[in-house]
Amino acid sequence: MEKPTIRTKCPNFSSGPCAKRPGWTVEALKNALVGRSHRSKEGKARIQLCSDLMKEILQLPEGYRIGVVAGSDTGAVECALWSTLGPRPVDVFGWESFSKGWIKDIKKYLKLENVRDFTADYGKLPDFRQADPDHDIVFTWNGTTSGVKVPNLDWLPADHKGLAICDATSGVFAMDIDFTKIDILTFSWQKVLGGEAAHGVIILSPKAVARMEERVPQIPWPMPKIFRLAELKKLKPGELEYSTINTPSMLCIEDAIDALNWAKSVGGLQGLIKRSQANLAAFEKWVEKTEWIDFLAESKEIRSNTSVCFKIVAPWFTALDKEEQAKAAKKITALLAKEGVANDINSYKDAPTGIRVWCGATVETSDIEALTHWLDWGYEQVKAEYTK
């Protein structure tokens, strides 16, 4: 097979930090409030603007709060778990690396006893219908390491008594999420917005705010300061939106504002979703006509349109042992990286061997289309090595 002539314009397909928005340069940060306090009038105004833009684009329900916290999405999820869990039994769902990590945190570190965990293998979803609406429910919206997403919230009653806590970092801004059914949702700018890492975002419903405030004198475990939203009075009306517990990077705040303004320019939330779905559609068209590759997700309904995970199904490949499969897959991805057409498309270290490509809104569909030809080329080079 001849080497493709059309190259990707942006070779960055990492699943986090993800590709910057099209046309991004460091000039986007020229107005960043560097060298100034985030507690200054101007500093608070930039954080408030960032919060307002997120609320506007996500179309959050009336009364929902939003704030920037430390530790990326992981820190935001931990803040939610440590600050709210305990009063009710907990149902937690896991089907890939990160979602199964929350099971470990809840059972091993918080040591909650009344916990039910529901799990599934990579490429599948657990049965969410087993969730008890009287329990607190913890789940991930999109499996970044498995390429599997939650298709809807039909399984969750609108009047659920417990808190619904959702890690949505690689789903928010790219998938339709019914926020009226979610009490706590977390994410990081580094995913669909292509922003910088280290900062997390937490969204709280009025019910979640009330739980946090009620839990302050009752929490039985030591609470790190960066989780104490209620104790430090960050949940006062309007406070969370412009006042962070610890010092944020004003460069990162400015970068997030830039990404959010770009999101508005492409049609807001629906525009972002449309771009991501177009990227997945380009891959679906390729997979349909390509015999050596398939999606890791077992059905189209649960197939992610952001972190798209593939498995190699060619007979010569599946006949290899797992160690050799991993080597062969890495040879394909290394060839594309060497050619400068695709960076960071290895499958996650704990996931089944294969290829993972980020398809969020900051990725151009033309680059996905170009990438498919390079994937075919890279595959043929490695196949020839193993089948000669």
Protein backbone atom coordinates (compact mmCIF):
# COMPACT_ATOMS: atom_id res chain seq x y z
CA MET A 1 0.00 0.00 0.00
CA GLU A 2 1.33 3.42 -0.97
CA LYS A 3 1.87 6.02 1.69
CA PRO A 4 -1.04 8.53 1.80
CA THR A 5 -0.38 11.97 0.37
CA ILE A 6 -2.95 13.93 2.38
CA ARG A 7 -1.67 14.67 5.87
CA THR A 8 -3.58 15.65 8.98
CA LYS A 9 -3.37 19.40 9.63
CA CYS A 10 -3.35 18.79 13.38
CA PRO A 11 -1.81 15.47 14.52
CA ASN A 12 -3.02 15.75 18.11
CA PHE A 13 -5.56 13.05 18.97
CA SER A 14 -4.76 12.58 22.66
CA SER A 15 -7.66 11.80 24.99
CA GLY A 16 -6.38 14.30 27.52
CA PRO A 17 -5.11 16.91 27.40
CA CYS A 18 -6.97 17.10 24.11
CA ALA A 19 -6.39 19.09 20.95
CA LYS A 20 -6.71 22.87 21.23
CA ARG A 21 -9.54 24.53 19.33
CA PRO A 22 -8.86 25.14 15.62
CA GLY A 23 -6.73 28.21 15.05
CA TRP A 24 -5.47 28.45 18.63
CA THR A 25 -2.18 30.23 19.26
CA VAL A 26 -0.60 31.68 22.41
CA GLU A 27 -2.02 35.03 21.29
CA ALA A 28 -5.29 33.79 22.77
CA LEU A 29 -3.74 34.31 26.21
CA LYS A 30 -2.50 37.87 25.67
CA ASN A 31 -5.10 39.36 28.00
CA ALA A 32 -4.48 36.87 30.82
CA LEU A 33 -4.36 38.52 34.23
CA VAL A 34 -0.87 37.25 35.04
CA GLY A 35 0.98 38.72 38.00
CA ARG A 36 -2.33 39.71 39.60
CA SER A 37 -4.28 38.22 42.47
CA HIS A 38 -7.22 36.00 41.61
CA ARG A 39 -8.93 37.71 44.56
CA SER A 40 -8.60 41.16 43.02
CA LYS A 41 -11.67 42.80 41.51
CA GLU A 42 -10.33 42.09 38.02
CA GLY A 43 -9.32 38.52 38.90
CA LYS A 44 -12.74 37.68 40.28
CA ALA A 45 -14.32 39.22 37.19
CA ARG A 46 -12.40 36.86 34.86
CA ILE A 47 -13.33 33.80 36.94
CA GLN A 48 -16.95 34.98 37.02
CA LEU A 49 -16.93 35.41 33.23
CA CYS A 50 -15.59 31.87 32.83
CA SER A 51 -18.35 30.52 35.10
CA ASP A 52 -21.03 32.54 33.31
CA LEU A 53 -19.93 31.26 29.90
CA MET A 54 -19.97 27.65 31.11
CA LYS A 55 -23.48 28.10 32.53
CA GLU A 56 -24.68 29.75 29.35
CA ILE A 57 -23.29 27.17 26.93
CA LEU A 58 -24.35 24.17 29.02
CA GLN A 59 -27.79 25.72 29.58
CA LEU A 60 -27.78 24.80 33.26
CA PRO A 61 -31.12 24.76 35.10
CA GLU A 62 -32.07 27.69 37.30
CA GLY A 63 -30.43 27.52 40.71
CA TYR A 64 -27.53 25.29 39.69
CA ARG A 65 -24.11 26.42 40.92
CA ILE A 66 -20.77 26.06 39.14
CA GLY A 67 -17.23 26.50 40.37
CA VAL A 68 -13.56 25.84 39.66
CA VAL A 69 -11.76 23.44 42.00
CA ALA A 70 -8.29 21.91 42.27
CA GLY A 71 -7.04 18.62 40.88
CA SER A 72 -8.69 18.46 37.45
CA ASP A 73 -11.77 16.25 37.09
CA THR A 74 -10.34 13.81 39.64
CA GLY A 75 -10.25 16.55 42.28
CA ALA A 76 -13.80 17.59 41.42
CA VAL A 77 -15.12 14.03 41.76
CA GLU A 78 -13.25 13.52 45.03
CA CYS A 79 -14.66 16.79 46.35
CA ALA A 80 -18.16 15.54 45.55
CA LEU A 81 -17.67 12.09 47.11
CA TRP A 82 -15.92 13.23 50.28
CA SER A 83 -18.31 16.13 50.87
CA THR A 84 -21.66 14.42 50.35
CA LEU A 85 -21.60 10.64 50.75
CA GLY A 86 -22.61 8.91 53.97
CA PRO A 87 -26.24 9.69 54.84
CA ARG A 88 -27.71 7.22 52.30
CA PRO A 89 -26.69 3.88 50.80
CA VAL A 90 -24.57 4.22 47.67
CA ASP A 91 -24.92 2.57 44.26
CA VAL A 92 -21.77 3.01 42.17
CA PHE A 93 -21.31 1.90 38.55
CA GLY A 94 -17.99 1.09 36.88
CA TRP A 95 -17.03 -0.33 33.49
CA GLU A 96 -13.53 0.98 32.77
CA SER A 97 -10.46 2.33 34.57
CA PHE A 98 -11.70 5.61 35.98
CA SER A 99 -15.25 4.61 36.86
CA LYS A 100 -13.95 1.51 38.64
CA GLY A 101 -11.58 3.81 40.51
CA TRP A 102 -14.53 5.54 42.16
CA ILE A 103 -15.68 2.16 43.48
CA LYS A 104 -12.28 1.72 45.12
CA ASP A 105 -12.37 5.21 46.64
CA ILE A 106 -15.83 4.79 48.10
CA LYS A 107 -15.25 1.32 49.55
CA LYS A 108 -11.55 1.35 50.46
CA TYR A 109 -10.81 4.93 51.44
CA LEU A 110 -14.13 6.36 52.62
CA LYS A 111 -14.89 2.90 54.01
CA LEU A 112 -18.64 3.22 53.49
CA GLU A 113 -20.36 -0.04 54.31
CA ASN A 114 -23.75 0.23 52.64
CA VAL A 115 -22.41 0.22 49.08
CA ARG A 116 -23.52 -1.74 46.04
CA ASP A 117 -21.22 -1.77 43.04
CA PHE A 118 -22.25 -2.75 39.52
CA THR A 119 -19.55 -3.43 36.97
CA ALA A 120 -19.09 -4.46 33.34
CA ASP A 121 -16.15 -5.30 31.10
CA TYR A 122 -14.57 -2.89 28.63
CA GLY A 123 -16.91 -2.25 25.71
CA LYS A 124 -20.04 -2.84 27.78
CA LEU A 125 -22.23 -1.00 30.30
CA PRO A 126 -23.59 -2.29 33.60
CA ASP A 127 -27.36 -2.47 34.03
CA PHE A 128 -28.30 0.99 35.31
CA ARG A 129 -31.86 -0.18 35.92
CA GLN A 130 -30.55 -1.76 39.11
CA ALA A 131 -29.98 1.69 40.61
CA ASP A 132 -32.17 2.46 43.62
CA PRO A 133 -33.45 6.06 43.34
CA ASP A 134 -33.48 6.30 47.15
CA HIS A 135 -29.70 5.74 47.18
CA ASP A 136 -26.91 8.10 46.22
CA ILE A 137 -25.81 7.06 42.72
CA VAL A 138 -22.27 7.51 41.37
CA PHE A 139 -21.46 6.92 37.71
CA THR A 140 -19.30 8.07 34.82
CA TRP A 141 -21.06 9.43 31.74
CA ASN A 142 -18.41 8.47 29.21
CA GLY A 143 -15.75 5.81 29.61
CA THR A 144 -12.67 7.61 28.34
CA THR A 145 -10.62 4.40 28.35
CA SER A 146 -13.34 2.14 26.91
CA GLY A 147 -15.08 4.22 24.25
CA VAL A 148 -18.47 3.55 25.86
CA LYS A 149 -21.00 6.18 26.94
CA VAL A 150 -24.28 6.29 28.85
CA PRO A 151 -26.88 6.86 26.11
CA ASN A 152 -29.53 8.51 28.30
CA LEU A 153 -30.95 8.86 31.80
CA ASP A 154 -34.22 7.03 31.19
CA TRP A 155 -33.30 4.72 34.08
CA LEU A 156 -33.18 7.58 36.61
CA PRO A 157 -36.49 9.01 37.91
CA ALA A 158 -36.72 12.78 37.99
CA ASP A 159 -37.82 12.64 41.64
CA HIS A 160 -34.94 10.44 42.88
CA LYS A 161 -34.36 10.97 46.59
CA GLY A 162 -30.60 10.37 46.65
CA LEU A 163 -27.93 12.40 44.91
CA ALA A 164 -26.96 11.53 41.32
CA ILE A 165 -23.21 12.19 41.08
CA CYS A 166 -21.79 12.08 37.55
CA ASP A 167 -18.19 12.19 36.35
CA ALA A 168 -18.79 13.65 32.89
CA THR A 169 -15.36 14.93 31.96
CA SER A 170 -15.18 13.38 28.47
CA GLY A 171 -18.91 13.67 27.81
CA VAL A 172 -19.93 17.18 28.81
CA PHE A 173 -19.94 19.70 25.89
CA ALA A 174 -20.15 16.75 23.45
CA MET A 175 -23.24 14.78 24.47
CA ASP A 176 -26.83 15.54 25.45
CA ILE A 177 -27.06 15.38 29.24
CA ASP A 178 -30.27 16.02 31.16
CA PHE A 179 -28.91 18.24 33.93
CA THR A 180 -32.28 18.31 35.68
CA LYS A 181 -31.65 14.70 36.74
CA ILE A 182 -28.04 15.27 37.83
CA ASP A 183 -27.19 16.69 41.26
CA ILE A 184 -23.40 16.86 40.95
CA LEU A 185 -21.55 16.83 37.64
CA THR A 186 -17.79 17.20 37.23
CA PHE A 187 -15.41 17.79 34.36
CA SER A 188 -12.12 19.34 33.30
CA TRP A 189 -11.45 21.92 30.60
CA GLN A 190 -8.69 19.69 29.20
CA LYS A 191 -11.18 17.37 27.50
CA VAL A 192 -13.86 18.56 25.04
CA LEU A 193 -12.89 22.23 25.32
CA GLY A 194 -9.22 21.48 24.65
CA GLY A 195 -8.29 23.60 27.65
CA GLU A 196 -5.42 23.27 30.07
CA ALA A 197 -5.14 20.63 32.79
CA ALA A 198 -4.99 20.83 36.62
CA HIS A 199 -8.33 22.60 37.13
CA GLY A 200 -11.63 20.84 37.69
CA VAL A 201 -15.19 22.12 37.47
CA ILE A 202 -18.04 21.08 39.75
CA ILE A 203 -21.72 21.71 39.05
CA LEU A 204 -24.14 21.49 41.98
CA SER A 205 -27.92 21.30 42.05
CA PRO A 206 -29.77 23.00 44.93
CA LYS A 207 -30.21 19.53 46.48
CA ALA A 208 -26.46 18.94 46.34
CA VAL A 209 -25.72 22.32 47.91
CA ALA A 210 -28.11 21.51 50.75
CA ARG A 211 -26.43 18.11 51.31
CA MET A 212 -22.96 19.69 51.44
CA GLU A 213 -24.12 22.27 53.96
CA GLU A 214 -25.83 19.63 56.10
CA ARG A 215 -22.73 17.41 56.07
CA VAL A 216 -20.28 20.00 57.46
CA PRO A 217 -20.55 19.02 61.18
CA GLN A 218 -21.16 15.32 60.47
CA ILE A 219 -18.37 14.19 58.15
CA PRO A 220 -16.53 11.33 59.94
CA TRP A 221 -13.26 11.50 57.97
CA PRO A 222 -10.52 14.15 57.78
CA MET A 223 -11.37 16.61 55.00
CA PRO A 224 -8.60 18.22 52.90
CA LYS A 225 -9.03 21.98 52.78
CA ILE A 226 -9.48 21.98 49.00
CA PHE A 227 -12.72 19.94 49.44
CA ARG A 228 -14.33 22.18 52.09
CA LEU A 229 -16.69 24.17 49.89
CA ALA A 230 -19.40 24.44 52.54
CA GLU A 231 -17.16 24.93 55.57
CA LEU A 232 -15.27 27.76 53.86
CA LYS A 233 -18.58 29.35 52.85
CA LYS A 234 -17.96 29.02 49.10
CA LEU A 235 -21.61 27.95 48.72
CA LYS A 236 -23.00 31.33 49.73
CA PRO A 237 -25.15 32.77 46.92
CA GLY A 238 -22.88 33.68 44.01
CA GLU A 239 -19.63 32.96 45.87
CA LEU A 240 -18.64 29.68 44.19
CA GLU A 241 -18.79 31.24 40.73
CA TYR A 242 -15.95 33.72 41.27
CA SER A 243 -14.12 32.68 44.44
CA THR A 244 -11.94 29.57 44.41
CA ILE A 245 -10.60 27.77 47.49
CA ASN A 246 -7.01 27.72 46.23
CA THR A 247 -5.17 29.84 43.69
CA PRO A 248 -6.12 29.07 40.08
CA SER A 249 -3.87 29.78 37.10
CA MET A 250 -5.14 32.94 35.46
CA LEU A 251 -3.51 31.69 32.24
CA CYS A 252 -5.73 28.61 32.40
CA ILE A 253 -8.78 30.74 33.19
CA GLU A 254 -8.06 32.89 30.14
CA ASP A 255 -7.55 29.80 27.99
CA ALA A 256 -10.90 28.42 29.14
CA ILE A 257 -12.61 31.72 28.31
CA ASP A 258 -11.07 31.56 24.84
CA ALA A 259 -12.32 27.99 24.34
CA LEU A 260 -15.80 28.91 25.55
CA ASN A 261 -16.01 31.91 23.23
CA TRP A 262 -14.95 29.63 20.37
CA ALA A 263 -17.70 27.21 21.42
CA LYS A 264 -20.25 30.01 21.11
CA SER A 265 -18.92 30.85 17.64
CA VAL A 266 -19.57 27.30 16.36
CA GLY A 267 -23.15 27.14 17.62
CA GLY A 268 -22.83 26.62 21.36
CA LEU A 269 -23.64 23.27 22.90
CA GLN A 270 -25.46 21.85 19.88
CA GLY A 271 -22.67 23.02 17.60
CA LEU A 272 -20.09 21.23 19.72
CA ILE A 273 -22.16 18.05 19.79
CA LYS A 274 -22.63 18.20 16.02
CA ARG A 275 -18.87 18.53 15.42
CA SER A 276 -18.08 15.56 17.65
CA GLN A 277 -20.78 13.40 16.09
CA ALA A 278 -19.48 14.24 12.61
CA ASN A 279 -16.06 12.96 13.66
CA LEU A 280 -17.53 9.68 14.89
CA ALA A 281 -19.56 9.37 11.69
CA ALA A 282 -16.36 9.61 9.64
CA PHE A 283 -14.90 6.76 11.64
CA GLU A 284 -18.09 4.70 11.35
CA LYS A 285 -17.96 5.05 7.57
CA TRP A 286 -14.34 3.82 7.60
CA VAL A 287 -14.96 0.89 9.97
CA GLU A 288 -17.92 -0.29 7.89
CA LYS A 289 -15.64 -0.89 4.88
CA THR A 290 -12.49 -1.96 6.75
CA GLU A 291 -12.06 -5.59 7.76
CA TRP A 292 -9.12 -5.31 10.18
CA ILE A 293 -10.66 -2.87 12.68
CA ASP A 294 -13.81 -2.60 14.79
CA PHE A 295 -15.14 -0.51 17.67
CA LEU A 296 -14.51 -1.71 21.21
CA ALA A 297 -18.05 -0.66 22.22
CA GLU A 298 -20.33 -3.65 21.71
CA SER A 299 -23.24 -1.62 20.29
CA LYS A 300 -23.76 1.64 18.41
CA GLU A 301 -26.15 2.98 21.07
CA ILE A 302 -23.38 3.14 23.67
CA ARG A 303 -20.52 4.09 21.32
CA SER A 304 -18.68 7.19 22.46
CA ASN A 305 -18.35 10.14 20.12
CA THR A 306 -15.36 11.58 21.99
CA SER A 307 -12.91 8.90 23.14
CA VAL A 308 -13.30 6.43 20.28
CA CYS A 309 -11.70 3.08 21.09
CA PHE A 310 -10.90 0.42 18.49
CA LYS A 311 -9.92 -3.24 18.61
CA ILE A 312 -7.88 -4.96 15.90
CA VAL A 313 -9.81 -7.99 14.67
CA ALA A 314 -7.61 -9.33 11.85
CA PRO A 315 -7.05 -13.11 12.29
CA TRP A 316 -3.23 -12.84 12.15
CA PHE A 317 -3.38 -10.26 14.96
CA THR A 318 -5.84 -12.09 17.23
CA ALA A 319 -3.70 -15.24 16.90
CA LEU A 320 -0.83 -13.46 18.66
CA ASP A 321 -0.44 -13.66 22.43
CA LYS A 322 -1.40 -10.52 24.42
CA GLU A 323 2.16 -9.28 24.80
CA GLU A 324 2.83 -9.53 21.08
CA GLN A 325 -0.53 -7.92 20.26
CA ALA A 326 0.46 -4.93 22.38
CA LYS A 327 3.79 -4.68 20.55
CA ALA A 328 2.12 -4.87 17.13
CA ALA A 329 -0.47 -2.21 17.99
CA LYS A 330 2.24 0.10 19.29
CA LYS A 331 4.22 -0.37 16.08
CA ILE A 332 1.22 0.93 14.11
CA THR A 333 0.78 3.99 16.33
CA ALA A 334 4.54 4.62 16.44
CA LEU A 335 4.70 4.68 12.63
CA LEU A 336 2.01 7.36 12.50
CA ALA A 337 3.69 9.40 15.21
CA LYS A 338 6.99 9.19 13.35
CA GLU A 339 5.26 10.45 10.20
CA GLY A 340 3.87 13.37 12.20
CA VAL A 341 0.24 12.56 11.41
CA ALA A 342 -1.08 11.16 14.71
CA ASN A 343 0.17 11.61 18.27
CA ASP A 344 -0.93 9.71 21.39
CA ILE A 345 -3.39 7.23 19.88
CA ASN A 346 -2.36 4.17 21.89
CA SER A 347 -5.08 2.46 23.88
CA TYR A 348 -5.08 3.20 27.62
CA LYS A 349 -2.53 1.15 29.58
CA ASP A 350 -5.18 -0.87 31.47
CA ALA A 351 -7.60 -1.21 28.54
CA PRO A 352 -7.69 -3.97 25.92
CA THR A 353 -4.99 -3.61 23.27
CA GLY A 354 -6.02 -1.42 20.37
CA ILE A 355 -6.16 2.19 19.22
CA ARG A 356 -7.86 5.19 20.84
CA VAL A 357 -8.55 8.45 19.01
CA TRP A 358 -10.06 11.58 20.52
CA CYS A 359 -12.98 12.86 18.44
CA GLY A 360 -14.18 15.81 20.48
CA ALA A 361 -15.33 19.09 19.00
CA THR A 362 -11.85 20.64 18.73
CA VAL A 363 -10.85 17.97 16.20
CA GLU A 364 -11.64 18.67 12.55
CA THR A 365 -13.54 15.98 10.61
CA SER A 366 -11.15 16.41 7.67
CA ASP A 367 -8.32 15.30 9.97
CA ILE A 368 -10.27 12.19 11.01
CA GLU A 369 -10.84 11.35 7.35
CA ALA A 370 -7.16 11.81 6.56
CA LEU A 371 -6.18 9.74 9.60
CA THR A 372 -8.17 6.71 8.41
CA HIS A 373 -5.91 6.38 5.35
CA TRP A 374 -2.81 6.60 7.52
CA LEU A 375 -4.20 3.97 9.88
CA ASP A 376 -4.71 1.63 6.94
CA TRP A 377 -1.18 2.32 5.75
CA GLY A 378 0.36 1.79 9.18
CA TYR A 379 -1.59 -1.42 9.63
CA GLU A 380 -0.41 -2.81 6.30
CA GLN A 381 3.24 -2.07 7.15
CA VAL A 382 3.00 -3.97 10.44
CA LYS A 383 0.93 -6.79 8.96
CA ALA A 384 3.63 -7.34 6.33
CA GLU A 385 6.22 -7.63 9.11
CA TYR A 386 4.23 -10.31 10.92
CA THR A 387 2.96 -12.31 7.94
CA LYS A 388 6.00 -12.38 5.63
